C-alpha atoms as a PDB file:
ATOM      1  CA  MET A   1      66.802  29.853  -8.652  1.00  0.00           C
ATOM      2  CA  GLN A   2      68.033  29.112  -5.164  1.00  0.00           C
ATOM      3  CA  LEU A   3      67.014  25.585  -4.195  1.00  0.00           C
ATOM      4  CA  PHE A   4      67.087  24.254  -0.640  1.00  0.00           C
ATOM      5  CA  THR A   5      66.156  21.313   1.508  1.00  0.00           C
ATOM      6  CA  ILE A   6      64.459  22.340   4.740  1.00  0.00           C
ATOM      7  CA  ARG A   7      63.091  20.683   7.848  1.00  0.00           C
ATOM      8  CA  ASN A   8      59.511  21.882   8.180  1.00  0.00           C
ATOM      9  CA  ALA A   9      56.401  20.453   9.814  1.00  0.00           C
ATOM     10  CA  GLY A  10      58.349  17.413  10.991  1.00  0.00           C
ATOM     11  CA  ARG A  11      59.648  16.396   7.550  1.00  0.00           C
ATOM     12  CA  SER A  12      62.325  17.301   5.046  1.00  0.00           C
ATOM     13  CA  SER A  13      61.205  18.978   1.855  1.00  0.00           C
ATOM     14  CA  ALA A  14      62.641  20.690  -1.192  1.00  0.00           C
ATOM     15  CA  ALA A  15      62.181  24.446  -1.106  1.00  0.00           C
ATOM     16  CA  VAL A  16      62.771  27.373  -3.422  1.00  0.00           C
ATOM     17  CA  ALA A  17      63.537  30.986  -2.570  1.00  0.00           C
ATOM     18  CA  LEU A  18      60.936  33.622  -3.414  1.00  0.00           C
ATOM     19  CA  GLY A  19      62.417  36.928  -2.377  1.00  0.00           C
ATOM     20  CA  THR A  20      63.285  36.666   1.316  1.00  0.00           C
ATOM     21  CA  GLU A  21      60.958  33.694   1.844  1.00  0.00           C
ATOM     22  CA  LEU A  22      61.116  29.986   1.068  1.00  0.00           C
ATOM     23  CA  ILE A  23      58.324  27.964  -0.493  1.00  0.00           C
ATOM     24  CA  ASP A  24      58.075  24.506   1.054  1.00  0.00           C
ATOM     25  CA  ILE A  25      57.183  22.674  -2.158  1.00  0.00           C
ATOM     26  CA  ALA A  26      55.606  19.612  -0.558  1.00  0.00           C
ATOM     27  CA  GLY A  27      53.817  21.798   1.999  1.00  0.00           C
ATOM     28  CA  ALA A  28      52.430  23.990  -0.772  1.00  0.00           C
ATOM     29  CA  ALA A  29      51.020  21.086  -2.794  1.00  0.00           C
ATOM     30  CA  GLU A  30      47.550  21.339  -1.240  1.00  0.00           C
ATOM     31  CA  ALA A  31      47.022  24.863  -2.552  1.00  0.00           C
ATOM     32  CA  VAL A  32      49.471  25.224  -5.467  1.00  0.00           C
ATOM     33  CA  PRO A  33      48.604  23.024  -8.454  1.00  0.00           C
ATOM     34  CA  ALA A  34      52.112  23.110  -9.927  1.00  0.00           C
ATOM     35  CA  ALA A  35      53.614  21.744  -6.675  1.00  0.00           C
ATOM     36  CA  ARG A  36      51.540  18.580  -6.807  1.00  0.00           C
ATOM     37  CA  ALA A  37      53.512  17.212  -9.755  1.00  0.00           C
ATOM     38  CA  LEU A  38      56.875  17.560  -8.018  1.00  0.00           C
ATOM     39  CA  PRO A  39      58.775  15.030  -5.891  1.00  0.00           C
ATOM     40  CA  ALA A  40      59.297  15.990  -2.268  1.00  0.00           C
ATOM     41  CA  SER A  41      63.098  15.866  -2.428  1.00  0.00           C
ATOM     42  CA  LEU A  42      65.470  18.127  -4.329  1.00  0.00           C
ATOM     43  CA  ARG A  43      67.300  15.118  -5.722  1.00  0.00           C
ATOM     44  CA  GLY A  44      63.964  13.824  -6.994  1.00  0.00           C
ATOM     45  CA  ILE A  45      63.260  17.146  -8.677  1.00  0.00           C
ATOM     46  CA  LEU A  46      66.677  17.127 -10.351  1.00  0.00           C
ATOM     47  CA  GLU A  47      66.009  13.616 -11.611  1.00  0.00           C
ATOM     48  CA  CYS A  48      63.031  15.083 -13.504  1.00  0.00           C
ATOM     49  CA  GLY A  49      65.459  17.089 -15.626  1.00  0.00           C
ATOM     50  CA  ASP A  50      64.611  20.419 -17.216  1.00  0.00           C
ATOM     51  CA  GLU A  51      60.899  19.810 -16.735  1.00  0.00           C
ATOM     52  CA  GLY A  52      61.415  19.500 -12.978  1.00  0.00           C
ATOM     53  CA  LEU A  53      63.053  22.927 -12.805  1.00  0.00           C
ATOM     54  CA  ALA A  54      60.408  24.378 -15.098  1.00  0.00           C
ATOM     55  CA  GLN A  55      57.745  23.059 -12.753  1.00  0.00           C
ATOM     56  CA  VAL A  56      59.467  24.697  -9.776  1.00  0.00           C
ATOM     57  CA  ARG A  57      59.377  27.995 -11.678  1.00  0.00           C
ATOM     58  CA  ARG A  58      55.644  27.494 -12.209  1.00  0.00           C
ATOM     59  CA  VAL A  59      55.246  27.098  -8.445  1.00  0.00           C
ATOM     60  CA  MET A  60      57.095  30.372  -7.924  1.00  0.00           C
ATOM     61  CA  ASP A  61      54.983  32.145 -10.536  1.00  0.00           C
ATOM     62  CA  GLN A  62      51.712  30.875  -9.065  1.00  0.00           C
ATOM     63  CA  VAL A  63      52.659  32.048  -5.573  1.00  0.00           C
ATOM     64  CA  ALA A  64      54.217  35.359  -6.649  1.00  0.00           C
ATOM     65  CA  GLY A  65      51.175  36.292  -8.679  1.00  0.00           C
ATOM     66  CA  ASN A  66      48.552  35.631  -6.013  1.00  0.00           C
ATOM     67  CA  ASP A  67      48.684  37.593  -2.754  1.00  0.00           C
ATOM     68  CA  ALA A  68      45.799  35.665  -1.227  1.00  0.00           C
ATOM     69  CA  LEU A  69      47.524  32.360  -1.977  1.00  0.00           C
ATOM     70  CA  ALA A  70      50.792  33.638  -0.494  1.00  0.00           C
ATOM     71  CA  ASP A  71      48.990  34.701   2.679  1.00  0.00           C
ATOM     72  CA  TRP A  72      47.343  31.275   2.959  1.00  0.00           C
ATOM     73  CA  LEU A  73      50.708  29.567   2.552  1.00  0.00           C
ATOM     74  CA  ARG A  74      52.231  31.771   5.261  1.00  0.00           C
ATOM     75  CA  GLU A  75      49.428  30.879   7.644  1.00  0.00           C
ATOM     76  CA  SER A  76      49.842  27.172   6.881  1.00  0.00           C
ATOM     77  CA  GLY A  77      53.625  27.344   7.314  1.00  0.00           C
ATOM     78  CA  ALA A  78      54.438  26.479   3.704  1.00  0.00           C
ATOM     79  CA  LEU A  79      55.820  29.964   2.966  1.00  0.00           C
ATOM     80  CA  LEU A  80      58.278  30.988   5.636  1.00  0.00           C
ATOM     81  CA  PRO A  81      61.037  33.557   6.179  1.00  0.00           C
ATOM     82  CA  ARG A  82      64.379  32.219   5.062  1.00  0.00           C
ATOM     83  CA  GLU A  83      66.127  33.368   8.247  1.00  0.00           C
ATOM     84  CA  LYS A  84      63.736  31.270  10.337  1.00  0.00           C
ATOM     85  CA  ALA A  85      63.909  28.130   8.191  1.00  0.00           C
ATOM     86  CA  LYS A  86      65.817  25.061   9.337  1.00  0.00           C
ATOM     87  CA  LEU A  87      68.160  24.460   6.421  1.00  0.00           C
ATOM     88  CA  LEU A  88      69.483  20.976   5.775  1.00  0.00           C
ATOM     89  CA  ALA A  89      72.114  20.084   3.207  1.00  0.00           C
ATOM     90  CA  PRO A  90      70.461  20.968  -0.119  1.00  0.00           C
ATOM     91  CA  ILE A  91      71.081  17.432  -1.399  1.00  0.00           C
ATOM     92  CA  PRO A  92      71.271  15.304   1.763  1.00  0.00           C
ATOM     93  CA  ASN A  93      71.296  12.054  -0.205  1.00  0.00           C
ATOM     94  CA  PRO A  94      73.409  12.344  -3.367  1.00  0.00           C
ATOM     95  CA  GLY A  95      74.416   9.117  -4.991  1.00  0.00           C
ATOM     96  CA  PHE A  96      77.995  10.348  -5.113  1.00  0.00           C
ATOM     97  CA  VAL A  97      80.211  13.162  -3.843  1.00  0.00           C
ATOM     98  CA  LEU A  98      83.312  13.097  -6.039  1.00  0.00           C
ATOM     99  CA  SER A  99      86.028  15.358  -4.699  1.00  0.00           C
ATOM    100  CA  ALA A 100      88.891  16.835  -6.661  1.00  0.00           C
ATOM    101  CA  GLY A 101      92.221  17.057  -4.882  1.00  0.00           C
ATOM    102  CA  MET A 102      95.328  19.143  -5.531  1.00  0.00           C
ATOM    103  CA  ASN A 103      93.469  21.542  -7.796  1.00  0.00           C
ATOM    104  CA  TYR A 104      94.392  25.111  -6.823  1.00  0.00           C
ATOM    105  CA  HIS A 105      97.788  26.433  -7.841  1.00  0.00           C
ATOM    106  CA  ALA A 106      98.254  28.390  -4.598  1.00  0.00           C
ATOM    107  CA  HIS A 107      97.185  25.434  -2.425  1.00  0.00           C
ATOM    108  CA  LEU A 108      99.687  23.144  -4.161  1.00  0.00           C
ATOM    109  CA  LYS A 109     102.379  25.729  -3.462  1.00  0.00           C
ATOM    110  CA  GLU A 110     101.571  25.907   0.265  1.00  0.00           C
ATOM    111  CA  MET A 111     101.517  22.083   0.471  1.00  0.00           C
ATOM    112  CA  LYS A 112     104.785  21.945  -1.493  1.00  0.00           C
ATOM    113  CA  SER A 113     103.275  19.703  -4.168  1.00  0.00           C
ATOM    114  CA  PRO A 114     103.637  19.944  -7.969  1.00  0.00           C
ATOM    115  CA  PRO A 115     100.473  20.210 -10.106  1.00  0.00           C
ATOM    116  CA  PRO A 116      99.149  16.798 -11.175  1.00  0.00           C
ATOM    117  CA  GLU A 117      99.116  15.891 -14.854  1.00  0.00           C
ATOM    118  CA  THR A 118      95.506  14.717 -14.620  1.00  0.00           C
ATOM    119  CA  PRO A 119      92.807  15.522 -12.050  1.00  0.00           C
ATOM    120  CA  ALA A 120      93.183  13.738  -8.711  1.00  0.00           C
ATOM    121  CA  HIS A 121      90.058  12.601  -6.916  1.00  0.00           C
ATOM    122  CA  PHE A 122      88.509  10.652  -4.079  1.00  0.00           C
ATOM    123  CA  ALA A 123      84.956   9.878  -2.952  1.00  0.00           C
ATOM    124  CA  LYS A 124      83.560  11.732   0.040  1.00  0.00           C
ATOM    125  CA  ASN A 125      81.340   9.702   2.381  1.00  0.00           C
ATOM    126  CA  VAL A 126      77.724  10.756   1.759  1.00  0.00           C
ATOM    127  CA  ALA A 127      76.894   9.685   5.336  1.00  0.00           C
ATOM    128  CA  ALA A 128      79.154  12.555   6.493  1.00  0.00           C
ATOM    129  CA  ILE A 129      76.905  15.218   4.913  1.00  0.00           C
ATOM    130  CA  ILE A 130      75.403  17.861   7.192  1.00  0.00           C
ATOM    131  CA  GLY A 131      73.750  21.200   6.482  1.00  0.00           C
ATOM    132  CA  THR A 132      74.597  24.725   7.452  1.00  0.00           C
ATOM    133  CA  GLY A 133      74.241  25.328  11.187  1.00  0.00           C
ATOM    134  CA  ALA A 134      74.855  21.688  12.083  1.00  0.00           C
ATOM    135  CA  ALA A 135      77.900  20.887  14.187  1.00  0.00           C
ATOM    136  CA  ILE A 136      81.185  19.484  12.929  1.00  0.00           C
ATOM    137  CA  ARG A 137      82.121  16.893  15.535  1.00  0.00           C
ATOM    138  CA  LEU A 138      85.799  16.297  16.262  1.00  0.00           C
ATOM    139  CA  PRO A 139      86.345  12.527  16.107  1.00  0.00           C
ATOM    140  CA  ALA A 140      87.345  10.859  19.358  1.00  0.00           C
ATOM    141  CA  SER A 141      90.084   8.894  17.594  1.00  0.00           C
ATOM    142  CA  ASN A 142      91.675  11.881  15.816  1.00  0.00           C
ATOM    143  CA  PRO A 143      90.579  15.199  17.351  1.00  0.00           C
ATOM    144  CA  ASN A 144      93.785  17.234  17.204  1.00  0.00           C
ATOM    145  CA  MET A 145      94.523  17.966  13.537  1.00  0.00           C
ATOM    146  CA  VAL A 146      91.094  18.661  12.037  1.00  0.00           C
ATOM    147  CA  ASP A 147      91.293  21.141   9.161  1.00  0.00           C
ATOM    148  CA  TRP A 148      88.926  23.106   6.924  1.00  0.00           C
ATOM    149  CA  GLU A 149      88.765  23.092   3.111  1.00  0.00           C
ATOM    150  CA  GLY A 150      86.091  25.367   1.638  1.00  0.00           C
ATOM    151  CA  GLU A 151      85.218  24.227  -1.877  1.00  0.00           C
ATOM    152  CA  PHE A 152      83.136  25.383  -4.838  1.00  0.00           C
ATOM    153  CA  CYS A 153      81.065  22.502  -6.200  1.00  0.00           C
ATOM    154  CA  ALA A 154      79.137  21.604  -9.333  1.00  0.00           C
ATOM    155  CA  VAL A 155      75.853  19.685  -9.128  1.00  0.00           C
ATOM    156  CA  ILE A 156      75.009  17.264 -11.915  1.00  0.00           C
ATOM    157  CA  GLY A 157      71.574  17.672 -13.488  1.00  0.00           C
ATOM    158  CA  SER A 158      71.469  14.969 -16.170  1.00  0.00           C
ATOM    159  CA  PRO A 159      73.164  11.584 -16.725  1.00  0.00           C
ATOM    160  CA  CYS A 160      76.717  12.113 -17.833  1.00  0.00           C
ATOM    161  CA  HIS A 161      79.253   9.578 -19.108  1.00  0.00           C
ATOM    162  CA  ALA A 162      82.209   9.929 -21.475  1.00  0.00           C
ATOM    163  CA  VAL A 163      81.446  13.544 -22.380  1.00  0.00           C
ATOM    164  CA  SER A 164      83.792  16.123 -23.848  1.00  0.00           C
ATOM    165  CA  GLU A 165      84.763  19.381 -22.177  1.00  0.00           C
ATOM    166  CA  GLY A 166      82.480  21.144 -24.634  1.00  0.00           C
ATOM    167  CA  GLU A 167      79.554  18.983 -23.559  1.00  0.00           C
ATOM    168  CA  ALA A 168      80.301  18.849 -19.847  1.00  0.00           C
ATOM    169  CA  MET A 169      78.669  22.085 -18.736  1.00  0.00           C
ATOM    170  CA  HIS A 170      75.347  21.066 -20.305  1.00  0.00           C
ATOM    171  CA  HIS A 171      75.139  18.461 -17.532  1.00  0.00           C
ATOM    172  CA  VAL A 172      75.621  20.967 -14.685  1.00  0.00           C
ATOM    173  CA  VAL A 173      72.348  22.099 -13.127  1.00  0.00           C
ATOM    174  CA  GLY A 174      73.873  24.372 -10.498  1.00  0.00           C
ATOM    175  CA  TYR A 175      76.453  25.006  -7.819  1.00  0.00           C
ATOM    176  CA  THR A 176      76.833  24.663  -4.071  1.00  0.00           C
ATOM    177  CA  LEU A 177      79.563  24.701  -1.403  1.00  0.00           C
ATOM    178  CA  ILE A 178      81.186  21.913   0.584  1.00  0.00           C
ATOM    179  CA  ASN A 179      83.634  22.090   3.477  1.00  0.00           C
ATOM    180  CA  ASP A 180      85.910  19.087   2.933  1.00  0.00           C
ATOM    181  CA  VAL A 181      86.741  18.731   6.629  1.00  0.00           C
ATOM    182  CA  SER A 182      89.892  16.653   7.027  1.00  0.00           C
ATOM    183  CA  ALA A 183      91.810  15.033   9.876  1.00  0.00           C
ATOM    184  CA  ARG A 184      95.399  15.717   8.844  1.00  0.00           C
ATOM    185  CA  ASP A 185      97.130  13.136  11.038  1.00  0.00           C
ATOM    186  CA  TRP A 186      98.355  11.173   8.033  1.00  0.00           C
ATOM    187  CA  VAL A 187      99.653  13.960   5.768  1.00  0.00           C
ATOM    188  CA  THR A 188     103.210  14.111   7.121  1.00  0.00           C
ATOM    189  CA  PRO A 189     103.724  10.309   7.054  1.00  0.00           C
ATOM    190  CA  ILE A 190     103.022  10.285   3.300  1.00  0.00           C
ATOM    191  CA  ALA A 191     106.375  11.932   2.545  1.00  0.00           C
ATOM    192  CA  ALA A 192     108.211   9.599   4.926  1.00  0.00           C
ATOM    193  CA  ALA A 193     106.622   6.388   3.616  1.00  0.00           C
ATOM    194  CA  GLN A 194     109.014   3.865   2.063  1.00  0.00           C
ATOM    195  CA  GLY A 195     108.821   1.289  -0.689  1.00  0.00           C
ATOM    196  CA  THR A 196     105.896   0.739  -3.039  1.00  0.00           C
ATOM    197  CA  MET A 197     103.048   0.004  -0.664  1.00  0.00           C
ATOM    198  CA  GLY A 198     104.104   2.448   2.066  1.00  0.00           C
ATOM    199  CA  PRO A 199     103.133   5.643   0.194  1.00  0.00           C
ATOM    200  CA  ILE A 200      99.967   3.991  -1.122  1.00  0.00           C
ATOM    201  CA  MET A 201      98.821   3.000   2.351  1.00  0.00           C
ATOM    202  CA  ALA A 202      99.760   6.401   3.774  1.00  0.00           C
ATOM    203  CA  TRP A 203      97.703   8.149   1.088  1.00  0.00           C
ATOM    204  CA  GLU A 204      94.730   5.870   1.753  1.00  0.00           C
ATOM    205  CA  HIS A 205      94.911   6.720   5.449  1.00  0.00           C
ATOM    206  CA  ASN A 206      94.967  10.415   4.530  1.00  0.00           C
ATOM    207  CA  LEU A 207      91.755   9.958   2.548  1.00  0.00           C
ATOM    208  CA  LEU A 208      90.166   8.048   5.420  1.00  0.00           C
ATOM    209  CA  GLY A 209      90.748  11.173   7.498  1.00  0.00           C
ATOM    210  CA  LYS A 210      88.156  12.921   5.323  1.00  0.00           C
ATOM    211  CA  GLN A 211      85.343  10.427   5.921  1.00  0.00           C
ATOM    212  CA  PHE A 212      84.357  10.900   9.577  1.00  0.00           C
ATOM    213  CA  PRO A 213      80.723  11.687  10.417  1.00  0.00           C
ATOM    214  CA  THR A 214      79.896  15.423   9.953  1.00  0.00           C
ATOM    215  CA  PHE A 215      83.012  15.948   7.785  1.00  0.00           C
ATOM    216  CA  CYS A 216      80.999  16.999   4.716  1.00  0.00           C
ATOM    217  CA  PRO A 217      79.035  20.187   5.419  1.00  0.00           C
ATOM    218  CA  MET A 218      77.109  21.197   2.269  1.00  0.00           C
ATOM    219  CA  GLY A 219      75.016  24.220   1.366  1.00  0.00           C
ATOM    220  CA  PRO A 220      73.374  26.485   2.029  1.00  0.00           C
ATOM    221  CA  ALA A 221      71.667  26.121  -1.369  1.00  0.00           C
ATOM    222  CA  VAL A 222      72.004  24.800  -4.869  1.00  0.00           C
ATOM    223  CA  VAL A 223      72.019  27.868  -7.086  1.00  0.00           C
ATOM    224  CA  THR A 224      71.021  27.089 -10.654  1.00  0.00           C
ATOM    225  CA  ALA A 225      73.646  27.526 -13.338  1.00  0.00           C
ATOM    226  CA  ASP A 226      71.865  30.462 -14.979  1.00  0.00           C
ATOM    227  CA  GLU A 227      72.608  32.558 -11.874  1.00  0.00           C
ATOM    228  CA  ILE A 228      76.375  31.932 -11.860  1.00  0.00           C
ATOM    229  CA  ARG A 229      77.722  33.956 -14.780  1.00  0.00           C
ATOM    230  CA  ASP A 230      81.047  32.150 -14.988  1.00  0.00           C
ATOM    231  CA  PRO A 231      82.036  29.205 -12.746  1.00  0.00           C
ATOM    232  CA  ASN A 232      85.658  30.005 -13.561  1.00  0.00           C
ATOM    233  CA  ASP A 233      85.330  33.413 -11.904  1.00  0.00           C
ATOM    234  CA  VAL A 234      83.715  32.888  -8.507  1.00  0.00           C
ATOM    235  CA  ASP A 235      85.070  34.455  -5.318  1.00  0.00           C
ATOM    236  CA  LEU A 236      85.418  31.966  -2.463  1.00  0.00           C
ATOM    237  CA  GLN A 237      86.267  32.584   1.187  1.00  0.00           C
ATOM    238  CA  THR A 238      86.621  30.553   4.379  1.00  0.00           C
ATOM    239  CA  VAL A 239      86.446  32.324   7.732  1.00  0.00           C
ATOM    240  CA  VAL A 240      87.268  30.724  11.094  1.00  0.00           C
ATOM    241  CA  ASN A 241      86.127  32.605  14.196  1.00  0.00           C
ATOM    242  CA  GLY A 242      85.832  35.805  12.167  1.00  0.00           C
ATOM    243  CA  LYS A 243      89.319  35.540  10.648  1.00  0.00           C
ATOM    244  CA  VAL A 244      89.700  35.030   6.899  1.00  0.00           C
ATOM    245  CA  MET A 245      91.702  31.853   6.309  1.00  0.00           C
ATOM    246  CA  GLN A 246      91.008  31.150   2.640  1.00  0.00           C
ATOM    247  CA  SER A 247      90.320  33.784   0.002  1.00  0.00           C
ATOM    248  CA  THR A 248      90.520  32.939  -3.676  1.00  0.00           C
ATOM    249  CA  ASN A 249      88.809  32.937  -7.041  1.00  0.00           C
ATOM    250  CA  THR A 250      88.061  29.832  -9.071  1.00  0.00           C
ATOM    251  CA  SER A 251      90.272  31.258 -11.814  1.00  0.00           C
ATOM    252  CA  ASP A 252      93.154  29.722  -9.800  1.00  0.00           C
ATOM    253  CA  LEU A 253      91.913  26.177 -10.482  1.00  0.00           C
ATOM    254  CA  VAL A 254      94.368  23.844 -12.166  1.00  0.00           C
ATOM    255  CA  PHE A 255      91.483  21.995 -13.858  1.00  0.00           C
ATOM    256  CA  ASN A 256      88.236  23.910 -14.297  1.00  0.00           C
ATOM    257  CA  VAL A 257      84.741  22.471 -13.861  1.00  0.00           C
ATOM    258  CA  ALA A 258      84.371  21.412 -17.487  1.00  0.00           C
ATOM    259  CA  ARG A 259      87.743  19.645 -17.471  1.00  0.00           C
ATOM    260  CA  LEU A 260      86.974  17.842 -14.208  1.00  0.00           C
ATOM    261  CA  ILE A 261      83.609  16.562 -15.399  1.00  0.00           C
ATOM    262  CA  ALA A 262      84.962  15.479 -18.775  1.00  0.00           C
ATOM    263  CA  TYR A 263      87.830  13.600 -17.141  1.00  0.00           C
ATOM    264  CA  TYR A 264      85.824  11.936 -14.371  1.00  0.00           C
ATOM    265  CA  SER A 265      83.035  10.976 -16.756  1.00  0.00           C
ATOM    266  CA  ARG A 266      85.486   8.825 -18.688  1.00  0.00           C
ATOM    267  CA  PHE A 267      85.257   6.411 -15.763  1.00  0.00           C
ATOM    268  CA  TYR A 268      82.049   7.215 -13.868  1.00  0.00           C
ATOM    269  CA  LEU A 269      78.413   7.490 -14.806  1.00  0.00           C
ATOM    270  CA  LEU A 270      77.410  10.738 -13.104  1.00  0.00           C
ATOM    271  CA  ARG A 271      73.731  11.128 -12.276  1.00  0.00           C
ATOM    272  CA  PRO A 272      71.362  13.934 -11.256  1.00  0.00           C
ATOM    273  CA  GLY A 273      72.116  15.125  -7.746  1.00  0.00           C
ATOM    274  CA  ASP A 274      75.738  13.956  -7.763  1.00  0.00           C
ATOM    275  CA  VAL A 275      78.153  16.620  -6.499  1.00  0.00           C
ATOM    276  CA  ILE A 276      81.631  17.354  -7.856  1.00  0.00           C
ATOM    277  CA  THR A 277      83.894  19.376  -5.566  1.00  0.00           C
ATOM    278  CA  THR A 278      86.655  21.354  -7.237  1.00  0.00           C
ATOM    279  CA  GLY A 279      89.310  21.162  -4.525  1.00  0.00           C
ATOM    280  CA  SER A 280      90.579  23.341  -1.734  1.00  0.00           C
ATOM    281  CA  PRO A 281      92.176  26.768  -2.180  1.00  0.00           C
ATOM    282  CA  ALA A 282      95.232  27.903  -0.266  1.00  0.00           C
ATOM    283  CA  GLY A 283      94.885  28.815   3.391  1.00  0.00           C
ATOM    284  CA  VAL A 284      94.262  25.473   5.055  1.00  0.00           C
ATOM    285  CA  GLY A 285      95.391  25.102   8.630  1.00  0.00           C
ATOM    286  CA  PHE A 286      97.985  22.451   7.826  1.00  0.00           C
ATOM    287  CA  GLY A 287      99.714  24.782   5.376  1.00  0.00           C
ATOM    288  CA  ARG A 288     100.233  27.539   7.952  1.00  0.00           C
ATOM    289  CA  ASP A 289     103.288  28.237  10.086  1.00  0.00           C
ATOM    290  CA  PRO A 290     102.489  27.559  12.838  1.00  0.00           C
ATOM    291  CA  LYS A 291      99.773  25.101  11.880  1.00  0.00           C
ATOM    292  CA  VAL A 292      96.205  25.873  12.958  1.00  0.00           C
ATOM    293  CA  PHE A 293      93.464  23.319  13.511  1.00  0.00           C
ATOM    294  CA  LEU A 294      89.816  23.398  14.505  1.00  0.00           C
ATOM    295  CA  ARG A 295      88.921  23.213  18.176  1.00  0.00           C
ATOM    296  CA  ALA A 296      85.650  22.800  20.041  1.00  0.00           C
ATOM    297  CA  GLY A 297      83.896  26.165  20.203  1.00  0.00           C
ATOM    298  CA  ASP A 298      85.160  27.347  16.802  1.00  0.00           C
ATOM    299  CA  THR A 299      82.908  28.388  13.948  1.00  0.00           C
ATOM    300  CA  VAL A 300      83.936  27.869  10.323  1.00  0.00           C
ATOM    301  CA  ALA A 301      82.071  29.608   7.497  1.00  0.00           C
ATOM    302  CA  VAL A 302      82.551  29.042   3.763  1.00  0.00           C
ATOM    303  CA  SER A 303      81.136  31.690   1.427  1.00  0.00           C
ATOM    304  CA  GLY A 304      80.812  31.673  -2.347  1.00  0.00           C
ATOM    305  CA  LYS A 305      79.680  34.704  -4.316  1.00  0.00           C
ATOM    306  CA  GLY A 306      76.174  34.094  -5.568  1.00  0.00           C
ATOM    307  CA  ILE A 307      75.697  30.978  -3.423  1.00  0.00           C
ATOM    308  CA  GLY A 308      75.678  32.198   0.170  1.00  0.00           C
ATOM    309  CA  THR A 309      77.407  31.093   3.345  1.00  0.00           C
ATOM    310  CA  LEU A 310      77.806  27.603   4.786  1.00  0.00           C
ATOM    311  CA  SER A 311      78.476  28.049   8.507  1.00  0.00           C
ATOM    312  CA  ASN A 312      79.102  25.321  11.078  1.00  0.00           C
ATOM    313  CA  PRO A 313      80.088  25.277  14.763  1.00  0.00           C
ATOM    314  CA  VAL A 314      82.697  22.809  15.965  1.00  0.00           C
ATOM    315  CA  VAL A 315      82.070  20.566  18.969  1.00  0.00           C
ATOM    316  CA  GLY A 316      84.183  18.065  20.841  1.00  0.00           C
ATOM    317  CA  PRO A 317      83.832  14.276  20.665  1.00  0.00           C
ATOM    318  CA  GLY A 318      81.675  14.069  23.769  1.00  0.00           C
ATOM    319  CA  ALA A 319      79.354  16.997  23.047  1.00  0.00           C
ATOM    320  CA  ARG A 320      75.605  16.407  22.866  1.00  0.00           C
END
């Protein structure tokens, strides 16, 4: 299934793809019995576990098998063409976005960094989440070195703590994409930092450069795990203004999805709707010679095979 969050009829609602159309689950509740038992939000549905997804499938079956019902939903606006839908981030309100760093062999090479012995990570600010089509805003304080990082992400579907690699994938409900937008102003000072606290503070500033508002585009959908044959063999691409900047396959990951979840779950309780990013591939602007950064008027699009395309324009600090 392809699961979305949409803005429709003045509210946000979970939605599911049915062919080229989207069913607004909350909007369909009046006419579709199966929809009445579902929460309005996608996170709420995921918190219902397997039964929540099974109930979404019942909604799809009830609509697909009844032409008169489908026509009524179209007239009421609860069944709408996907290309006309206002897509929000599929999970606008996760409890946690946990981001892997330094996790593609080729990216580590371009950044001149050795592979870590254990997975690196940081938390991404959930208040920075936007959906496809929404604008990435260059921050007034640091507008000149803003970079893209298109990332394949796992979405947690059931509570997960201290699990093994063999168990980890049972807790993944699906996959989405995130652009880990980053202000790179503090990358170079990390190598020049002195003493014990200098490098620590420089690294913390680098992570702060990832937290600005709009710096976490997510989407366009959460695609359930049954539709991604192998998360360790997914093509991923980032395009800026029509030019391919990142092109990779998740087979280049240093630590795969199962390893990341098993390691992070040693410390964290992961819950339904939490998102785990797997790190950036090679091709970031900072790693180029000469370096390339996002400017107002640019468009950056991250595509993952089987997931779709997350596309966002870039605007300046003063844009409305």
